Amino acid sequence: MEIEDLFDEKKTTYTITDEHGEKSTITIDKWAADLLQDDLPDVHGWIQVKFDLVCSKKPQLTRREKGNVVRELARKEAEKSPNYKSLTDFL
C-alpha cells in the first residue's frame, strides 16, 4: 500500500446478511479494506459481526446509518494497523 491509497476514492464491497435475513452489501473504503485484509483472518466475518452488533444495539437506525457505523468501525480498526502507522508517519 502506498500513501496515495489513503486518498483514493475506491471502495471494496462485502456481501452481508442484513437485519431481515436477506443478502445485502456494504462498501468499505478500499484502503481500509486492504489494511483489514492484512490484519484480520476473516474480514467478511468481522464486518458481519459488527453489522449484527450495530443492529442489535441500535435497531432504530436506518440501513444507511447502520452501514455508516460499520464503515466507521472498519476505518478505526484499519487505523490500528502497523501498516497504517508507517504510512501516516511518512506524512
PDB file of N, CA and C in Angstrom:
ATOM      1  N   MET A   1       0.845  -1.174   0.000  1.00  0.00           N
ATOM      2  CA  MET A   1       0.000   0.000   0.000  1.00  0.00           C
ATOM      3  C   MET A   1       0.887   1.233   0.000  1.00  0.00           C
ATOM      4  N   GLU A   2       0.481   2.211  -0.789  1.00  0.00           N
ATOM      5  CA  GLU A   2       1.216   3.464  -0.904  1.00  0.00           C
ATOM      6  C   GLU A   2       0.426   4.588  -0.232  1.00  0.00           C
ATOM      7  N   ILE A   3       1.084   5.674   0.048  1.00  0.00           N
ATOM      8  CA  ILE A   3       0.438   6.807   0.708  1.00  0.00           C
ATOM      9  C   ILE A   3      -0.739   7.329  -0.111  1.00  0.00           C
ATOM     10  N   GLU A   4      -0.637   7.277  -1.439  1.00  0.00           N
ATOM     11  CA  GLU A   4      -1.718   7.760  -2.303  1.00  0.00           C
ATOM     12  C   GLU A   4      -3.010   6.971  -2.084  1.00  0.00           C
ATOM     13  N   ASP A   5      -2.890   5.718  -1.644  1.00  0.00           N
ATOM     14  CA  ASP A   5      -4.061   4.877  -1.419  1.00  0.00           C
ATOM     15  C   ASP A   5      -4.980   5.446  -0.335  1.00  0.00           C
ATOM     16  N   LEU A   6      -4.425   6.194   0.602  1.00  0.00           N
ATOM     17  CA  LEU A   6      -5.239   6.778   1.665  1.00  0.00           C
ATOM     18  C   LEU A   6      -6.194   7.849   1.135  1.00  0.00           C
ATOM     19  N   PHE A   7      -5.865   8.401  -0.021  1.00  0.00           N
ATOM     20  CA  PHE A   7      -6.682   9.476  -0.586  1.00  0.00           C
ATOM     21  C   PHE A   7      -7.504   9.004  -1.776  1.00  0.00           C
ATOM     22  N   ASP A   8      -7.470   7.710  -2.038  1.00  0.00           N
ATOM     23  CA  ASP A   8      -8.196   7.112  -3.157  1.00  0.00           C
ATOM     24  C   ASP A   8      -9.675   6.993  -2.809  1.00  0.00           C
ATOM     25  N   GLU A   9     -10.532   7.153  -3.774  1.00  0.00           N
ATOM     26  CA  GLU A   9     -11.984   7.080  -3.570  1.00  0.00           C
ATOM     27  C   GLU A   9     -12.540   5.680  -3.818  1.00  0.00           C
ATOM     28  N   LYS A  10     -11.688   4.709  -4.134  1.00  0.00           N
ATOM     29  CA  LYS A  10     -12.156   3.365  -4.456  1.00  0.00           C
ATOM     30  C   LYS A  10     -12.779   2.698  -3.237  1.00  0.00           C
ATOM     31  N   LYS A  11     -13.686   1.765  -3.506  1.00  0.00           N
ATOM     32  CA  LYS A  11     -14.403   1.049  -2.449  1.00  0.00           C
ATOM     33  C   LYS A  11     -14.260  -0.461  -2.659  1.00  0.00           C
ATOM     34  N   THR A  12     -14.412  -1.205  -1.582  1.00  0.00           N
ATOM     35  CA  THR A  12     -14.479  -2.660  -1.628  1.00  0.00           C
ATOM     36  C   THR A  12     -15.850  -3.053  -1.098  1.00  0.00           C
ATOM     37  N   THR A  13     -16.516  -3.949  -1.805  1.00  0.00           N
ATOM     38  CA  THR A  13     -17.872  -4.366  -1.445  1.00  0.00           C
ATOM     39  C   THR A  13     -17.848  -5.742  -0.805  1.00  0.00           C
ATOM     40  N   TYR A  14     -18.558  -5.866   0.301  1.00  0.00           N
ATOM     41  CA  TYR A  14     -18.708  -7.143   1.000  1.00  0.00           C
ATOM     42  C   TYR A  14     -20.182  -7.517   1.033  1.00  0.00           C
ATOM     43  N   THR A  15     -20.456  -8.796   0.844  1.00  0.00           N
ATOM     44  CA  THR A  15     -21.821  -9.300   0.968  1.00  0.00           C
ATOM     45  C   THR A  15     -22.077  -9.639   2.427  1.00  0.00           C
ATOM     46  N   ILE A  16     -23.227  -9.191   2.937  1.00  0.00           N
ATOM     47  CA  ILE A  16     -23.607  -9.489   4.313  1.00  0.00           C
ATOM     48  C   ILE A  16     -25.048  -9.980   4.325  1.00  0.00           C
ATOM     49  N   THR A  17     -25.467 -10.481   5.464  1.00  0.00           N
ATOM     50  CA  THR A  17     -26.869 -10.798   5.697  1.00  0.00           C
ATOM     51  C   THR A  17     -27.420  -9.671   6.555  1.00  0.00           C
ATOM     52  N   ASP A  18     -28.470  -9.010   6.062  1.00  0.00           N
ATOM     53  CA  ASP A  18     -28.983  -7.849   6.788  1.00  0.00           C
ATOM     54  C   ASP A  18     -29.851  -8.251   7.971  1.00  0.00           C
ATOM     55  N   GLU A  19     -30.433  -7.261   8.620  1.00  0.00           N
ATOM     56  CA  GLU A  19     -31.216  -7.491   9.833  1.00  0.00           C
ATOM     57  C   GLU A  19     -32.506  -8.271   9.576  1.00  0.00           C
ATOM     58  N   HIS A  20     -32.869  -8.424   8.307  1.00  0.00           N
ATOM     59  CA  HIS A  20     -34.069  -9.182   7.947  1.00  0.00           C
ATOM     60  C   HIS A  20     -33.728 -10.565   7.403  1.00  0.00           C
ATOM     61  N   GLY A  21     -32.455 -10.937   7.466  1.00  0.00           N
ATOM     62  CA  GLY A  21     -32.014 -12.235   6.981  1.00  0.00           C
ATOM     63  C   GLY A  21     -31.829 -12.295   5.473  1.00  0.00           C
ATOM     64  N   GLU A  22     -31.822 -11.147   4.823  1.00  0.00           N
ATOM     65  CA  GLU A  22     -31.676 -11.088   3.373  1.00  0.00           C
ATOM     66  C   GLU A  22     -30.251 -10.682   3.001  1.00  0.00           C
ATOM     67  N   LYS A  23     -29.826 -11.129   1.822  1.00  0.00           N
ATOM     68  CA  LYS A  23     -28.493 -10.758   1.336  1.00  0.00           C
ATOM     69  C   LYS A  23     -28.469  -9.268   1.029  1.00  0.00           C
ATOM     70  N   SER A  24     -27.379  -8.642   1.388  1.00  0.00           N
ATOM     71  CA  SER A  24     -27.183  -7.226   1.129  1.00  0.00           C
ATOM     72  C   SER A  24     -25.694  -7.003   0.936  1.00  0.00           C
ATOM     73  N   THR A  25     -25.308  -5.780   0.685  1.00  0.00           N
ATOM     74  CA  THR A  25     -23.887  -5.460   0.549  1.00  0.00           C
ATOM     75  C   THR A  25     -23.562  -4.235   1.379  1.00  0.00           C
ATOM     76  N   ILE A  26     -22.298  -4.124   1.693  1.00  0.00           N
ATOM     77  CA  ILE A  26     -21.780  -2.944   2.375  1.00  0.00           C
ATOM     78  C   ILE A  26     -20.446  -2.610   1.727  1.00  0.00           C
ATOM     79  N   THR A  27     -20.203  -1.340   1.521  1.00  0.00           N
ATOM     80  CA  THR A  27     -18.940  -0.913   0.927  1.00  0.00           C
ATOM     81  C   THR A  27     -18.063  -0.260   1.988  1.00  0.00           C
ATOM     82  N   ILE A  28     -16.786  -0.542   1.879  1.00  0.00           N
ATOM     83  CA  ILE A  28     -15.773  -0.010   2.790  1.00  0.00           C
ATOM     84  C   ILE A  28     -14.717   0.663   1.919  1.00  0.00           C
ATOM     85  N   ASP A  29     -14.142   1.761   2.394  1.00  0.00           N
ATOM     86  CA  ASP A  29     -13.037   2.374   1.643  1.00  0.00           C
ATOM     87  C   ASP A  29     -11.975   1.319   1.361  1.00  0.00           C
ATOM     88  N   LYS A  30     -11.471   1.326   0.120  1.00  0.00           N
ATOM     89  CA  LYS A  30     -10.520   0.301  -0.300  1.00  0.00           C
ATOM     90  C   LYS A  30      -9.269   0.286   0.581  1.00  0.00           C
ATOM     91  N   TRP A  31      -8.779   1.455   0.956  1.00  0.00           N
ATOM     92  CA  TRP A  31      -7.565   1.485   1.777  1.00  0.00           C
ATOM     93  C   TRP A  31      -7.804   0.786   3.108  1.00  0.00           C
ATOM     94  N   ALA A  32      -8.983   1.006   3.698  1.00  0.00           N
ATOM     95  CA  ALA A  32      -9.306   0.359   4.975  1.00  0.00           C
ATOM     96  C   ALA A  32      -9.469  -1.139   4.782  1.00  0.00           C
ATOM     97  N   ALA A  33     -10.172  -1.531   3.716  1.00  0.00           N
ATOM     98  CA  ALA A  33     -10.374  -2.955   3.439  1.00  0.00           C
ATOM     99  C   ALA A  33      -9.030  -3.656   3.219  1.00  0.00           C
ATOM    100  N   ASP A  34      -8.118  -3.002   2.504  1.00  0.00           N
ATOM    101  CA  ASP A  34      -6.797  -3.597   2.262  1.00  0.00           C
ATOM    102  C   ASP A  34      -6.041  -3.818   3.569  1.00  0.00           C
ATOM    103  N   LEU A  35      -6.082  -2.824   4.456  1.00  0.00           N
ATOM    104  CA  LEU A  35      -5.399  -2.978   5.744  1.00  0.00           C
ATOM    105  C   LEU A  35      -6.066  -4.057   6.595  1.00  0.00           C
ATOM    106  N   LEU A  36      -7.388  -4.103   6.582  1.00  0.00           N
ATOM    107  CA  LEU A  36      -8.092  -5.139   7.336  1.00  0.00           C
ATOM    108  C   LEU A  36      -7.762  -6.518   6.789  1.00  0.00           C
ATOM    109  N   GLN A  37      -7.652  -6.650   5.467  1.00  0.00           N
ATOM    110  CA  GLN A  37      -7.304  -7.941   4.856  1.00  0.00           C
ATOM    111  C   GLN A  37      -5.935  -8.408   5.346  1.00  0.00           C
ATOM    112  N   ASP A  38      -5.021  -7.466   5.542  1.00  0.00           N
ATOM    113  CA  ASP A  38      -3.681  -7.803   6.026  1.00  0.00           C
ATOM    114  C   ASP A  38      -3.688  -8.230   7.488  1.00  0.00           C
ATOM    115  N   ASP A  39      -4.597  -7.648   8.279  1.00  0.00           N
ATOM    116  CA  ASP A  39      -4.529  -7.822   9.732  1.00  0.00           C
ATOM    117  C   ASP A  39      -5.536  -8.802  10.331  1.00  0.00           C
ATOM    118  N   LEU A  40      -6.648  -9.030   9.660  1.00  0.00           N
ATOM    119  CA  LEU A  40      -7.695  -9.890  10.216  1.00  0.00           C
ATOM    120  C   LEU A  40      -7.784 -11.205   9.445  1.00  0.00           C
ATOM    121  N   PRO A  41      -8.046 -12.308  10.133  1.00  0.00           N
ATOM    122  CA  PRO A  41      -8.134 -13.596   9.428  1.00  0.00           C
ATOM    123  C   PRO A  41      -9.386 -13.720   8.555  1.00  0.00           C
ATOM    124  N   ASP A  42     -10.459 -12.997   8.892  1.00  0.00           N
ATOM    125  CA  ASP A  42     -11.715 -13.095   8.149  1.00  0.00           C
ATOM    126  C   ASP A  42     -12.425 -11.743   8.170  1.00  0.00           C
ATOM    127  N   VAL A  43     -12.084 -10.894   7.214  1.00  0.00           N
ATOM    128  CA  VAL A  43     -12.665  -9.552   7.178  1.00  0.00           C
ATOM    129  C   VAL A  43     -14.171  -9.624   6.968  1.00  0.00           C
ATOM    130  N   HIS A  44     -14.611 -10.490   6.069  1.00  0.00           N
ATOM    131  CA  HIS A  44     -16.048 -10.634   5.813  1.00  0.00           C
ATOM    132  C   HIS A  44     -16.784 -10.980   7.104  1.00  0.00           C
ATOM    133  N   GLY A  45     -16.272 -11.932   7.849  1.00  0.00           N
ATOM    134  CA  GLY A  45     -16.877 -12.315   9.121  1.00  0.00           C
ATOM    135  C   GLY A  45     -16.855 -11.182  10.127  1.00  0.00           C
ATOM    136  N   TRP A  46     -15.762 -10.432  10.164  1.00  0.00           N
ATOM    137  CA  TRP A  46     -15.640  -9.303  11.084  1.00  0.00           C
ATOM    138  C   TRP A  46     -16.703  -8.258  10.767  1.00  0.00           C
ATOM    139  N   ILE A  47     -16.877  -7.951   9.488  1.00  0.00           N
ATOM    140  CA  ILE A  47     -17.881  -6.970   9.084  1.00  0.00           C
ATOM    141  C   ILE A  47     -19.281  -7.452   9.433  1.00  0.00           C
ATOM    142  N   GLN A  48     -19.558  -8.743   9.220  1.00  0.00           N
ATOM    143  CA  GLN A  48     -20.882  -9.279   9.558  1.00  0.00           C
ATOM    144  C   GLN A  48     -21.140  -9.173  11.058  1.00  0.00           C
ATOM    145  N   VAL A  49     -20.140  -9.506  11.860  1.00  0.00           N
ATOM    146  CA  VAL A  49     -20.284  -9.411  13.323  1.00  0.00           C
ATOM    147  C   VAL A  49     -20.554  -7.967  13.734  1.00  0.00           C
ATOM    148  N   LYS A  50     -19.826  -7.033  13.167  1.00  0.00           N
ATOM    149  CA  LYS A  50     -20.027  -5.614  13.508  1.00  0.00           C
ATOM    150  C   LYS A  50     -21.406  -5.142  13.067  1.00  0.00           C
ATOM    151  N   PHE A  51     -21.843  -5.562  11.883  1.00  0.00           N
ATOM    152  CA  PHE A  51     -23.178  -5.171  11.419  1.00  0.00           C
ATOM    153  C   PHE A  51     -24.248  -5.735  12.355  1.00  0.00           C
ATOM    154  N   ASP A  52     -24.112  -6.999  12.731  1.00  0.00           N
ATOM    155  CA  ASP A  52     -25.072  -7.618  13.650  1.00  0.00           C
ATOM    156  C   ASP A  52     -25.093  -6.895  15.000  1.00  0.00           C
ATOM    157  N   LEU A  53     -23.932  -6.507  15.477  1.00  0.00           N
ATOM    158  CA  LEU A  53     -23.831  -5.786  16.746  1.00  0.00           C
ATOM    159  C   LEU A  53     -24.548  -4.432  16.663  1.00  0.00           C
ATOM    160  N   VAL A  54     -24.303  -3.715  15.583  1.00  0.00           N
ATOM    161  CA  VAL A  54     -24.966  -2.424  15.397  1.00  0.00           C
ATOM    162  C   VAL A  54     -26.481  -2.611  15.331  1.00  0.00           C
ATOM    163  N   CYS A  55     -26.933  -3.633  14.616  1.00  0.00           N
ATOM    164  CA  CYS A  55     -28.372  -3.898  14.501  1.00  0.00           C
ATOM    165  C   CYS A  55     -28.993  -4.220  15.856  1.00  0.00           C
ATOM    166  N   SER A  56     -28.280  -4.957  16.690  1.00  0.00           N
ATOM    167  CA  SER A  56     -28.842  -5.330  17.988  1.00  0.00           C
ATOM    168  C   SER A  56     -28.825  -4.164  18.978  1.00  0.00           C
ATOM    169  N   LYS A  57     -27.797  -3.324  18.903  1.00  0.00           N
ATOM    170  CA  LYS A  57     -27.690  -2.213  19.860  1.00  0.00           C
ATOM    171  C   LYS A  57     -28.437  -0.963  19.413  1.00  0.00           C
ATOM    172  N   LYS A  58     -28.583  -0.787  18.117  1.00  0.00           N
ATOM    173  CA  LYS A  58     -29.221   0.425  17.586  1.00  0.00           C
ATOM    174  C   LYS A  58     -30.229   0.067  16.479  1.00  0.00           C
ATOM    175  N   PRO A  59     -31.261  -0.705  16.814  1.00  0.00           N
ATOM    176  CA  PRO A  59     -32.214  -1.124  15.779  1.00  0.00           C
ATOM    177  C   PRO A  59     -32.999   0.039  15.165  1.00  0.00           C
ATOM    178  N   GLN A  60     -33.051   1.173  15.836  1.00  0.00           N
ATOM    179  CA  GLN A  60     -33.797   2.318  15.329  1.00  0.00           C
ATOM    180  C   GLN A  60     -33.087   3.023  14.174  1.00  0.00           C
ATOM    181  N   LEU A  61     -31.796   2.741  13.972  1.00  0.00           N
ATOM    182  CA  LEU A  61     -31.066   3.386  12.885  1.00  0.00           C
ATOM    183  C   LEU A  61     -31.571   2.896  11.531  1.00  0.00           C
ATOM    184  N   THR A  62     -31.470   3.752  10.533  1.00  0.00           N
ATOM    185  CA  THR A  62     -31.811   3.334   9.174  1.00  0.00           C
ATOM    186  C   THR A  62     -30.711   2.410   8.651  1.00  0.00           C
ATOM    187  N   ARG A  63     -30.978   1.734   7.564  1.00  0.00           N
ATOM    188  CA  ARG A  63     -29.978   0.839   6.969  1.00  0.00           C
ATOM    189  C   ARG A  63     -28.714   1.611   6.622  1.00  0.00           C
ATOM    190  N   ARG A  64     -28.868   2.790   6.059  1.00  0.00           N
ATOM    191  CA  ARG A  64     -27.703   3.613   5.700  1.00  0.00           C
ATOM    192  C   ARG A  64     -26.907   4.001   6.948  1.00  0.00           C
ATOM    193  N   GLU A  65     -27.602   4.391   8.005  1.00  0.00           N
ATOM    194  CA  GLU A  65     -26.918   4.775   9.246  1.00  0.00           C
ATOM    195  C   GLU A  65     -26.169   3.584   9.841  1.00  0.00           C
ATOM    196  N   LYS A  66     -26.774   2.409   9.800  1.00  0.00           N
ATOM    197  CA  LYS A  66     -26.082   1.208  10.293  1.00  0.00           C
ATOM    198  C   LYS A  66     -24.817   0.965   9.482  1.00  0.00           C
ATOM    199  N   GLY A  67     -24.926   1.106   8.173  1.00  0.00           N
ATOM    200  CA  GLY A  67     -23.748   0.948   7.319  1.00  0.00           C
ATOM    201  C   GLY A  67     -22.680   1.970   7.637  1.00  0.00           C
ATOM    202  N   ASN A  68     -23.093   3.197   7.900  1.00  0.00           N
ATOM    203  CA  ASN A  68     -22.125   4.245   8.246  1.00  0.00           C
ATOM    204  C   ASN A  68     -21.381   3.915   9.538  1.00  0.00           C
ATOM    205  N   VAL A  69     -22.086   3.350  10.511  1.00  0.00           N
ATOM    206  CA  VAL A  69     -21.435   2.961  11.769  1.00  0.00           C
ATOM    207  C   VAL A  69     -20.417   1.858  11.501  1.00  0.00           C
ATOM    208  N   VAL A  70     -20.785   0.870  10.704  1.00  0.00           N
ATOM    209  CA  VAL A  70     -19.861  -0.229  10.390  1.00  0.00           C
ATOM    210  C   VAL A  70     -18.657   0.308   9.614  1.00  0.00           C
ATOM    211  N   ARG A  71     -18.869   1.220   8.676  1.00  0.00           N
ATOM    212  CA  ARG A  71     -17.750   1.818   7.940  1.00  0.00           C
ATOM    213  C   ARG A  71     -16.809   2.567   8.880  1.00  0.00           C
ATOM    214  N   GLU A  72     -17.371   3.269   9.853  1.00  0.00           N
ATOM    215  CA  GLU A  72     -16.539   3.983  10.823  1.00  0.00           C
ATOM    216  C   GLU A  72     -15.753   3.006  11.699  1.00  0.00           C
ATOM    217  N   LEU A  73     -16.394   1.921  12.109  1.00  0.00           N
ATOM    218  CA  LEU A  73     -15.691   0.892  12.890  1.00  0.00           C
ATOM    219  C   LEU A  73     -14.556   0.275  12.074  1.00  0.00           C
ATOM    220  N   ALA A  74     -14.808   0.038  10.791  1.00  0.00           N
ATOM    221  CA  ALA A  74     -13.772  -0.524   9.917  1.00  0.00           C
ATOM    222  C   ALA A  74     -12.613   0.455   9.766  1.00  0.00           C
ATOM    223  N   ARG A  75     -12.929   1.727   9.598  1.00  0.00           N
ATOM    224  CA  ARG A  75     -11.879   2.740   9.480  1.00  0.00           C
ATOM    225  C   ARG A  75     -11.027   2.783  10.742  1.00  0.00           C
ATOM    226  N   LYS A  76     -11.679   2.779  11.898  1.00  0.00           N
ATOM    227  CA  LYS A  76     -10.937   2.817  13.170  1.00  0.00           C
ATOM    228  C   LYS A  76     -10.076   1.576  13.353  1.00  0.00           C
ATOM    229  N   GLU A  77     -10.607   0.417  12.976  1.00  0.00           N
ATOM    230  CA  GLU A  77      -9.829  -0.821  13.080  1.00  0.00           C
ATOM    231  C   GLU A  77      -8.633  -0.777  12.132  1.00  0.00           C
ATOM    232  N   ALA A  78      -8.838  -0.280  10.922  1.00  0.00           N
ATOM    233  CA  ALA A  78      -7.747  -0.198   9.941  1.00  0.00           C
ATOM    234  C   ALA A  78      -6.649   0.748  10.425  1.00  0.00           C
ATOM    235  N   GLU A  79      -7.040   1.803  11.113  1.00  0.00           N
ATOM    236  CA  GLU A  79      -6.053   2.764  11.615  1.00  0.00           C
ATOM    237  C   GLU A  79      -5.170   2.182  12.712  1.00  0.00           C
ATOM    238  N   LYS A  80      -5.574   1.057  13.288  1.00  0.00           N
ATOM    239  CA  LYS A  80      -4.744   0.376  14.291  1.00  0.00           C
ATOM    240  C   LYS A  80      -3.614  -0.431  13.644  1.00  0.00           C
ATOM    241  N   SER A  81      -3.704  -0.635  12.345  1.00  0.00           N
ATOM    242  CA  SER A  81      -2.722  -1.453  11.631  1.00  0.00           C
ATOM    243  C   SER A  81      -1.339  -0.820  11.671  1.00  0.00           C
ATOM    244  N   PRO A  82      -0.308  -1.635  11.875  1.00  0.00           N
ATOM    245  CA  PRO A  82       1.061  -1.097  11.810  1.00  0.00           C
ATOM    246  C   PRO A  82       1.366  -0.515  10.426  1.00  0.00           C
ATOM    247  N   ASN A  83       0.735  -1.069   9.390  1.00  0.00           N
ATOM    248  CA  ASN A  83       0.955  -0.540   8.041  1.00  0.00           C
ATOM    249  C   ASN A  83       0.372   0.853   7.895  1.00  0.00           C
ATOM    250  N   TYR A  84      -0.735   1.136   8.555  1.00  0.00           N
ATOM    251  CA  TYR A  84      -1.330   2.472   8.534  1.00  0.00           C
ATOM    252  C   TYR A  84      -0.392   3.451   9.222  1.00  0.00           C
ATOM    253  N   LYS A  85       0.129   3.034  10.373  1.00  0.00           N
ATOM    254  CA  LYS A  85       1.040   3.908  11.115  1.00  0.00           C
ATOM    255  C   LYS A  85       2.275   4.237  10.279  1.00  0.00           C
ATOM    256  N   SER A  86       2.820   3.260   9.580  1.00  0.00           N
ATOM    257  CA  SER A  86       4.012   3.515   8.779  1.00  0.00           C
ATOM    258  C   SER A  86       3.687   4.477   7.628  1.00  0.00           C
ATOM    259  N   LEU A  87       2.477   4.412   7.090  1.00  0.00           N
ATOM    260  CA  LEU A  87       2.076   5.337   6.037  1.00  0.00           C
ATOM    261  C   LEU A  87       1.896   6.751   6.570  1.00  0.00           C
ATOM    262  N   THR A  88       1.239   6.874   7.704  1.00  0.00           N
ATOM    263  CA  THR A  88       0.981   8.211   8.247  1.00  0.00           C
ATOM    264  C   THR A  88       2.244   8.837   8.854  1.00  0.00           C
ATOM    265  N   ASP A  89       3.175   8.013   9.290  1.00  0.00           N
ATOM    266  CA  ASP A  89       4.453   8.556   9.771  1.00  0.00           C
ATOM    267  C   ASP A  89       5.189   9.280   8.649  1.00  0.00           C
ATOM    268  N   PHE A  90       4.937   8.822   7.418  1.00  0.00           N
ATOM    269  CA  PHE A  90       5.541   9.445   6.250  1.00  0.00           C
ATOM    270  C   PHE A  90       5.058  10.883   6.091  1.00  0.00           C
ATOM    271  N   LEU A  91       3.799  11.142   6.485  1.00  0.00           N
ATOM    272  CA  LEU A  91       3.243  12.493   6.353  1.00  0.00           C
ATOM    273  C   LEU A  91       3.871  13.393   7.382  1.00  0.00           C
TER     274      LEU A  91
END
